[in-house]
N, C-alpha and C. Protein backbone atom coordinates (compact mmCIF):
# COMPACT_ATOMS: atom_id res chain seq x y z
N MET A 1 62.06 -7.90 13.51
CA MET A 1 62.00 -8.14 12.10
C MET A 1 60.53 -8.23 11.68
N LYS A 2 60.18 -7.53 10.63
CA LYS A 2 58.81 -7.52 10.13
C LYS A 2 58.62 -8.64 9.13
N THR A 3 57.42 -9.17 9.15
CA THR A 3 57.11 -10.19 8.15
C THR A 3 56.18 -9.59 7.12
N ASN A 4 56.22 -10.07 5.94
CA ASN A 4 55.32 -9.61 4.89
C ASN A 4 54.03 -10.40 4.97
N GLU A 5 52.98 -9.73 5.47
CA GLU A 5 51.68 -10.38 5.54
C GLU A 5 50.87 -9.99 4.33
N SER A 6 50.10 -10.91 3.88
CA SER A 6 49.25 -10.64 2.72
C SER A 6 48.16 -9.65 3.10
N LYS A 7 47.95 -8.64 2.30
CA LYS A 7 46.92 -7.64 2.57
C LYS A 7 45.64 -7.92 1.79
N THR A 8 45.54 -9.09 1.24
CA THR A 8 44.32 -9.44 0.54
C THR A 8 43.28 -9.89 1.55
N SER A 9 42.03 -9.72 1.20
CA SER A 9 40.96 -10.12 2.11
C SER A 9 40.88 -11.64 2.16
N PRO A 10 40.48 -12.17 3.30
CA PRO A 10 40.39 -13.62 3.41
C PRO A 10 39.30 -14.16 2.48
N ALA A 11 39.52 -15.37 2.03
CA ALA A 11 38.54 -15.98 1.13
C ALA A 11 37.25 -16.22 1.88
N LYS A 12 36.13 -15.96 1.22
CA LYS A 12 34.85 -16.17 1.88
C LYS A 12 34.48 -17.64 1.83
N ALA A 13 33.82 -18.06 2.87
CA ALA A 13 33.40 -19.45 2.96
C ALA A 13 32.30 -19.72 1.96
N PRO A 14 32.21 -20.96 1.48
CA PRO A 14 31.14 -21.29 0.53
C PRO A 14 29.77 -21.05 1.17
N GLY A 15 28.88 -20.48 0.39
CA GLY A 15 27.52 -20.24 0.87
C GLY A 15 27.33 -18.93 1.60
N THR A 16 28.37 -18.08 1.69
CA THR A 16 28.21 -16.77 2.33
C THR A 16 28.30 -15.68 1.27
N ALA A 17 27.71 -14.55 1.59
CA ALA A 17 27.66 -13.45 0.62
C ALA A 17 28.83 -12.52 0.75
N GLY A 18 29.66 -12.69 1.74
CA GLY A 18 30.79 -11.79 1.92
C GLY A 18 30.39 -10.56 2.71
N PRO A 19 31.27 -9.57 2.81
CA PRO A 19 30.97 -8.38 3.61
C PRO A 19 29.85 -7.55 3.01
N VAL A 20 29.11 -6.89 3.87
CA VAL A 20 28.01 -6.03 3.42
C VAL A 20 28.60 -4.75 2.87
N ARG A 21 28.13 -4.33 1.70
CA ARG A 21 28.58 -3.08 1.09
C ARG A 21 27.46 -2.08 1.23
N ARG A 22 27.73 -0.93 1.83
CA ARG A 22 26.71 0.07 2.07
C ARG A 22 27.10 1.43 1.52
N ALA A 23 27.87 1.47 0.49
CA ALA A 23 28.36 2.74 -0.03
C ALA A 23 27.23 3.66 -0.48
N HIS A 24 26.14 3.12 -1.02
CA HIS A 24 25.09 3.96 -1.56
C HIS A 24 23.85 4.01 -0.69
N SER A 25 23.81 3.28 0.41
CA SER A 25 22.61 3.26 1.23
C SER A 25 22.62 4.29 2.35
N ILE A 26 23.69 5.03 2.52
CA ILE A 26 23.78 6.00 3.59
C ILE A 26 22.79 7.14 3.39
N ASN A 27 22.59 7.59 2.18
CA ASN A 27 21.72 8.72 1.89
C ASN A 27 20.35 8.27 1.36
N THR A 28 19.84 7.17 1.87
CA THR A 28 18.56 6.66 1.40
C THR A 28 17.50 6.88 2.47
N THR A 29 16.32 7.32 2.02
CA THR A 29 15.22 7.54 2.96
C THR A 29 13.92 7.02 2.33
N ILE A 30 12.97 6.68 3.18
CA ILE A 30 11.65 6.24 2.73
C ILE A 30 10.62 7.09 3.46
N LEU A 31 9.71 7.70 2.70
CA LEU A 31 8.68 8.56 3.28
C LEU A 31 7.31 8.23 2.73
N GLU A 32 6.30 8.41 3.56
CA GLU A 32 4.90 8.36 3.12
C GLU A 32 4.49 9.79 2.85
N LEU A 33 3.92 10.02 1.67
CA LEU A 33 3.58 11.37 1.24
C LEU A 33 2.17 11.44 0.68
N ASN A 34 1.64 12.65 0.61
CA ASN A 34 0.39 12.95 -0.09
C ASN A 34 0.71 13.98 -1.16
N ALA A 35 0.30 13.70 -2.39
CA ALA A 35 0.57 14.62 -3.50
C ALA A 35 -0.24 15.90 -3.31
N ALA A 36 0.43 17.03 -3.26
CA ALA A 36 -0.24 18.33 -3.10
C ALA A 36 -0.57 18.96 -4.44
N THR A 37 0.03 18.46 -5.51
CA THR A 37 -0.23 18.94 -6.87
C THR A 37 -0.34 17.73 -7.79
N ASP A 38 -0.81 17.97 -9.00
CA ASP A 38 -0.74 16.92 -10.02
C ASP A 38 0.72 16.76 -10.44
N ILE A 39 1.05 15.58 -10.90
CA ILE A 39 2.42 15.32 -11.35
C ILE A 39 2.70 16.08 -12.64
N ARG A 40 3.93 16.54 -12.81
CA ARG A 40 4.33 17.26 -14.02
C ARG A 40 5.40 16.45 -14.74
N SER A 41 5.19 16.22 -16.02
CA SER A 41 6.14 15.50 -16.84
C SER A 41 7.11 16.50 -17.49
N HIS A 42 8.38 16.14 -17.56
CA HIS A 42 9.41 17.01 -18.14
C HIS A 42 10.20 16.26 -19.20
N ASP A 43 10.73 16.99 -20.17
CA ASP A 43 11.58 16.44 -21.24
C ASP A 43 10.94 15.26 -21.94
N GLY A 44 9.68 15.40 -22.31
CA GLY A 44 8.98 14.34 -23.05
C GLY A 44 8.80 13.05 -22.27
N GLY A 45 8.67 13.14 -20.95
CA GLY A 45 8.44 11.96 -20.13
C GLY A 45 9.70 11.30 -19.61
N LYS A 46 10.87 11.93 -19.80
CA LYS A 46 12.11 11.35 -19.28
C LYS A 46 12.17 11.42 -17.76
N TRP A 47 11.58 12.45 -17.20
CA TRP A 47 11.48 12.56 -15.74
C TRP A 47 10.24 13.35 -15.39
N ALA A 48 9.81 13.23 -14.14
CA ALA A 48 8.61 13.91 -13.67
C ALA A 48 8.82 14.35 -12.24
N SER A 49 8.00 15.31 -11.81
CA SER A 49 8.11 15.80 -10.43
C SER A 49 6.73 16.08 -9.87
N VAL A 50 6.64 16.03 -8.55
CA VAL A 50 5.40 16.36 -7.85
C VAL A 50 5.77 17.03 -6.53
N PHE A 51 4.97 17.98 -6.14
CA PHE A 51 5.13 18.62 -4.84
C PHE A 51 4.25 17.85 -3.87
N ALA A 52 4.82 17.43 -2.75
CA ALA A 52 4.08 16.58 -1.82
C ALA A 52 4.26 17.07 -0.38
N ILE A 53 3.43 16.52 0.49
CA ILE A 53 3.46 16.85 1.92
C ILE A 53 3.71 15.57 2.71
N HIS A 54 4.69 15.62 3.61
CA HIS A 54 4.93 14.54 4.56
C HIS A 54 4.41 15.01 5.91
N ASN A 55 3.47 14.28 6.49
CA ASN A 55 2.91 14.65 7.79
C ASN A 55 3.71 13.98 8.89
N LYS A 56 4.62 14.75 9.47
CA LYS A 56 5.53 14.24 10.48
C LYS A 56 4.82 14.10 11.83
N TYR A 57 4.84 12.90 12.39
CA TYR A 57 4.25 12.65 13.71
C TYR A 57 5.21 13.17 14.76
N ARG A 58 4.71 14.03 15.67
CA ARG A 58 5.59 14.64 16.69
C ARG A 58 5.22 14.23 18.10
N GLY A 59 4.37 13.24 18.25
CA GLY A 59 4.03 12.77 19.59
C GLY A 59 2.54 12.87 19.83
N ARG A 60 2.11 12.20 20.88
CA ARG A 60 0.70 12.12 21.21
C ARG A 60 0.10 13.48 21.58
N ASP A 61 0.87 14.32 22.25
CA ASP A 61 0.34 15.59 22.74
C ASP A 61 0.60 16.77 21.79
N LYS A 62 1.24 16.52 20.66
CA LYS A 62 1.55 17.59 19.72
C LYS A 62 0.90 17.29 18.38
N PRO A 63 0.45 18.31 17.66
CA PRO A 63 -0.13 18.07 16.33
C PRO A 63 0.94 17.67 15.32
N ALA A 64 0.52 16.97 14.29
CA ALA A 64 1.45 16.59 13.21
C ALA A 64 1.96 17.84 12.51
N LYS A 65 3.16 17.77 12.00
CA LYS A 65 3.76 18.90 11.29
C LYS A 65 3.83 18.57 9.81
N ALA A 66 3.31 19.44 8.97
CA ALA A 66 3.34 19.24 7.52
C ALA A 66 4.70 19.68 6.98
N VAL A 67 5.42 18.76 6.37
CA VAL A 67 6.74 19.04 5.82
C VAL A 67 6.65 18.98 4.29
N PRO A 68 6.82 20.11 3.60
CA PRO A 68 6.76 20.10 2.13
C PRO A 68 8.03 19.49 1.54
N ILE A 69 7.86 18.71 0.47
CA ILE A 69 9.00 18.07 -0.17
C ILE A 69 8.69 17.86 -1.65
N SER A 70 9.69 18.03 -2.49
CA SER A 70 9.55 17.79 -3.92
C SER A 70 10.06 16.39 -4.22
N VAL A 71 9.38 15.67 -5.10
CA VAL A 71 9.79 14.32 -5.47
C VAL A 71 10.09 14.29 -6.96
N LYS A 72 11.26 13.79 -7.31
CA LYS A 72 11.67 13.67 -8.71
C LYS A 72 11.71 12.19 -9.09
N PHE A 73 10.97 11.85 -10.13
CA PHE A 73 10.91 10.48 -10.63
C PHE A 73 11.70 10.38 -11.92
N GLU A 74 12.54 9.35 -12.04
CA GLU A 74 13.31 9.10 -13.25
C GLU A 74 13.35 7.60 -13.51
N ASN A 75 13.99 7.23 -14.57
CA ASN A 75 14.31 5.85 -14.92
C ASN A 75 13.16 4.88 -14.67
N ASN A 76 13.28 4.02 -13.65
CA ASN A 76 12.31 2.95 -13.45
C ASN A 76 11.02 3.39 -12.75
N THR A 77 10.93 4.62 -12.26
CA THR A 77 9.73 5.06 -11.55
C THR A 77 8.89 6.06 -12.33
N VAL A 78 9.41 6.66 -13.37
CA VAL A 78 8.72 7.77 -14.03
C VAL A 78 7.42 7.34 -14.71
N ALA A 79 7.40 6.25 -15.43
CA ALA A 79 6.18 5.83 -16.14
C ALA A 79 5.05 5.51 -15.17
N TYR A 80 5.37 4.78 -14.10
CA TYR A 80 4.36 4.44 -13.10
C TYR A 80 3.87 5.69 -12.39
N ALA A 81 4.76 6.60 -12.06
CA ALA A 81 4.38 7.83 -11.37
C ALA A 81 3.43 8.67 -12.22
N ILE A 82 3.74 8.83 -13.49
CA ILE A 82 2.89 9.63 -14.39
C ILE A 82 1.50 9.02 -14.49
N ALA A 83 1.42 7.70 -14.54
CA ALA A 83 0.13 7.03 -14.67
C ALA A 83 -0.67 7.01 -13.38
N ALA A 84 -0.01 6.96 -12.23
CA ALA A 84 -0.72 6.69 -10.97
C ALA A 84 -0.90 7.89 -10.04
N ILE A 85 -0.08 8.91 -10.14
CA ILE A 85 -0.12 9.99 -9.15
C ILE A 85 -0.90 11.19 -9.68
N LYS A 86 -1.89 11.56 -8.93
CA LYS A 86 -2.70 12.77 -9.16
C LYS A 86 -2.72 13.53 -7.83
N LYS A 87 -3.23 14.74 -7.84
CA LYS A 87 -3.34 15.52 -6.61
C LYS A 87 -4.17 14.73 -5.60
N GLY A 88 -3.66 14.62 -4.37
CA GLY A 88 -4.34 13.91 -3.30
C GLY A 88 -3.94 12.45 -3.15
N THR A 89 -3.14 11.92 -4.06
CA THR A 89 -2.71 10.52 -4.01
C THR A 89 -1.77 10.31 -2.82
N HIS A 90 -2.00 9.21 -2.10
CA HIS A 90 -1.15 8.82 -0.99
C HIS A 90 -0.16 7.79 -1.52
N PHE A 91 1.15 8.01 -1.30
CA PHE A 91 2.15 7.10 -1.83
C PHE A 91 3.37 7.05 -0.92
N THR A 92 4.15 5.99 -1.09
CA THR A 92 5.41 5.83 -0.37
C THR A 92 6.52 5.85 -1.39
N VAL A 93 7.55 6.60 -1.08
CA VAL A 93 8.67 6.74 -2.00
C VAL A 93 9.97 6.50 -1.25
N GLY A 94 10.90 5.85 -1.92
CA GLY A 94 12.23 5.62 -1.37
C GLY A 94 13.26 6.15 -2.34
N GLY A 95 14.30 6.76 -1.81
CA GLY A 95 15.33 7.30 -2.69
C GLY A 95 16.33 8.14 -1.92
N THR A 96 17.11 8.90 -2.65
CA THR A 96 18.14 9.73 -2.04
C THR A 96 17.59 11.12 -1.75
N LEU A 97 17.99 11.66 -0.64
CA LEU A 97 17.54 12.97 -0.20
C LEU A 97 18.50 14.04 -0.71
N ASP A 98 17.93 15.16 -1.18
CA ASP A 98 18.73 16.25 -1.71
C ASP A 98 18.18 17.56 -1.15
N PHE A 99 19.02 18.54 -1.00
CA PHE A 99 18.64 19.86 -0.49
C PHE A 99 19.09 20.88 -1.51
N ASP A 100 18.23 21.88 -1.80
CA ASP A 100 18.56 22.85 -2.84
C ASP A 100 17.90 24.19 -2.53
N LYS A 101 18.27 25.21 -3.27
CA LYS A 101 17.63 26.52 -3.20
C LYS A 101 16.87 26.74 -4.49
N GLY A 102 15.62 27.19 -4.37
CA GLY A 102 14.79 27.43 -5.53
C GLY A 102 15.13 28.75 -6.20
N GLU A 103 14.38 29.08 -7.23
CA GLU A 103 14.63 30.30 -7.99
C GLU A 103 14.42 31.55 -7.15
N GLU A 104 13.48 31.50 -6.21
CA GLU A 104 13.23 32.66 -5.35
C GLU A 104 14.14 32.67 -4.13
N GLY A 105 15.12 31.76 -4.07
CA GLY A 105 16.03 31.70 -2.94
C GLY A 105 15.49 30.91 -1.75
N ARG A 106 14.35 30.25 -1.94
CA ARG A 106 13.77 29.45 -0.85
C ARG A 106 14.44 28.08 -0.79
N ASP A 107 14.70 27.60 0.42
CA ASP A 107 15.26 26.28 0.61
C ASP A 107 14.17 25.23 0.42
N PHE A 108 14.53 24.10 -0.19
CA PHE A 108 13.58 23.00 -0.29
C PHE A 108 14.32 21.67 -0.35
N TYR A 109 13.59 20.62 0.05
CA TYR A 109 14.12 19.27 0.02
C TYR A 109 13.51 18.52 -1.15
N ARG A 110 14.29 17.59 -1.71
CA ARG A 110 13.81 16.79 -2.82
C ARG A 110 14.28 15.36 -2.60
N ILE A 111 13.42 14.42 -2.96
CA ILE A 111 13.80 13.02 -2.98
C ILE A 111 13.90 12.60 -4.44
N ASN A 112 15.03 12.03 -4.81
CA ASN A 112 15.22 11.45 -6.13
C ASN A 112 14.78 9.99 -6.02
N ALA A 113 13.58 9.70 -6.51
CA ALA A 113 12.92 8.42 -6.25
C ALA A 113 13.52 7.24 -7.00
N ASP A 114 13.83 6.20 -6.25
CA ASP A 114 14.26 4.92 -6.80
C ASP A 114 13.16 3.87 -6.66
N GLN A 115 12.27 4.06 -5.67
CA GLN A 115 11.18 3.12 -5.40
C GLN A 115 9.89 3.91 -5.24
N LEU A 116 8.79 3.32 -5.68
CA LEU A 116 7.49 3.98 -5.57
C LEU A 116 6.40 2.96 -5.32
N THR A 117 5.57 3.22 -4.31
CA THR A 117 4.39 2.41 -4.05
C THR A 117 3.23 3.37 -3.90
N VAL A 118 2.22 3.22 -4.74
CA VAL A 118 1.03 4.06 -4.67
C VAL A 118 -0.02 3.28 -3.89
N HIS A 119 -0.59 3.92 -2.87
CA HIS A 119 -1.60 3.28 -2.02
C HIS A 119 -2.99 3.58 -2.57
N SER A 120 -3.79 2.55 -2.69
CA SER A 120 -5.16 2.75 -3.17
C SER A 120 -6.03 3.22 -2.01
N ARG A 121 -7.17 3.78 -2.32
CA ARG A 121 -8.10 4.23 -1.29
C ARG A 121 -8.59 3.05 -0.45
N LYS A 122 -8.70 1.86 -1.05
CA LYS A 122 -9.12 0.67 -0.31
C LYS A 122 -8.10 0.30 0.76
N GLN A 123 -6.79 0.40 0.42
CA GLN A 123 -5.74 0.12 1.39
C GLN A 123 -5.79 1.10 2.54
N ALA A 124 -6.01 2.39 2.25
CA ALA A 124 -6.08 3.41 3.29
C ALA A 124 -7.27 3.19 4.19
N ALA A 125 -8.42 2.82 3.63
CA ALA A 125 -9.62 2.57 4.42
C ALA A 125 -9.44 1.34 5.31
N ALA A 126 -8.75 0.33 4.82
CA ALA A 126 -8.52 -0.90 5.60
C ALA A 126 -7.62 -0.63 6.78
N THR A 127 -6.58 0.20 6.60
CA THR A 127 -5.67 0.50 7.71
C THR A 127 -6.32 1.43 8.71
N ASP A 128 -7.20 2.33 8.25
CA ASP A 128 -7.91 3.21 9.18
C ASP A 128 -8.91 2.44 10.04
N ALA A 129 -9.52 1.40 9.48
CA ALA A 129 -10.52 0.62 10.19
C ALA A 129 -9.89 -0.30 11.23
N ALA A 130 -8.65 -0.68 11.01
CA ALA A 130 -7.96 -1.62 11.93
C ALA A 130 -7.57 -1.00 13.23
């Protein structure tokens, strides 16, 4: 004989946050990039994009590999990106990764940025000296 068990989740104990929800964090990545072009504003500043290079470390005995990537800034990152990013700027971006084909049929990767940190030249010099 089967019993009817409640299929509701157990009540969480006081002071706990409950189960971790990761529905949107699966496609999230964080990269350090160097802007290869000046940033371009689109649709009156609603969004902006920049072509950047990620220098992938491949080991002590192999040279770094330059990986081209397009970065799209919207919502909470667009104003800061337009003000802070110029050609040659070193920055860290976090967001969702996307893959697409360009107008000439070339494959390219794009990050839709949710987070942006622009590194100053002083920060870069301090980490190089350490």
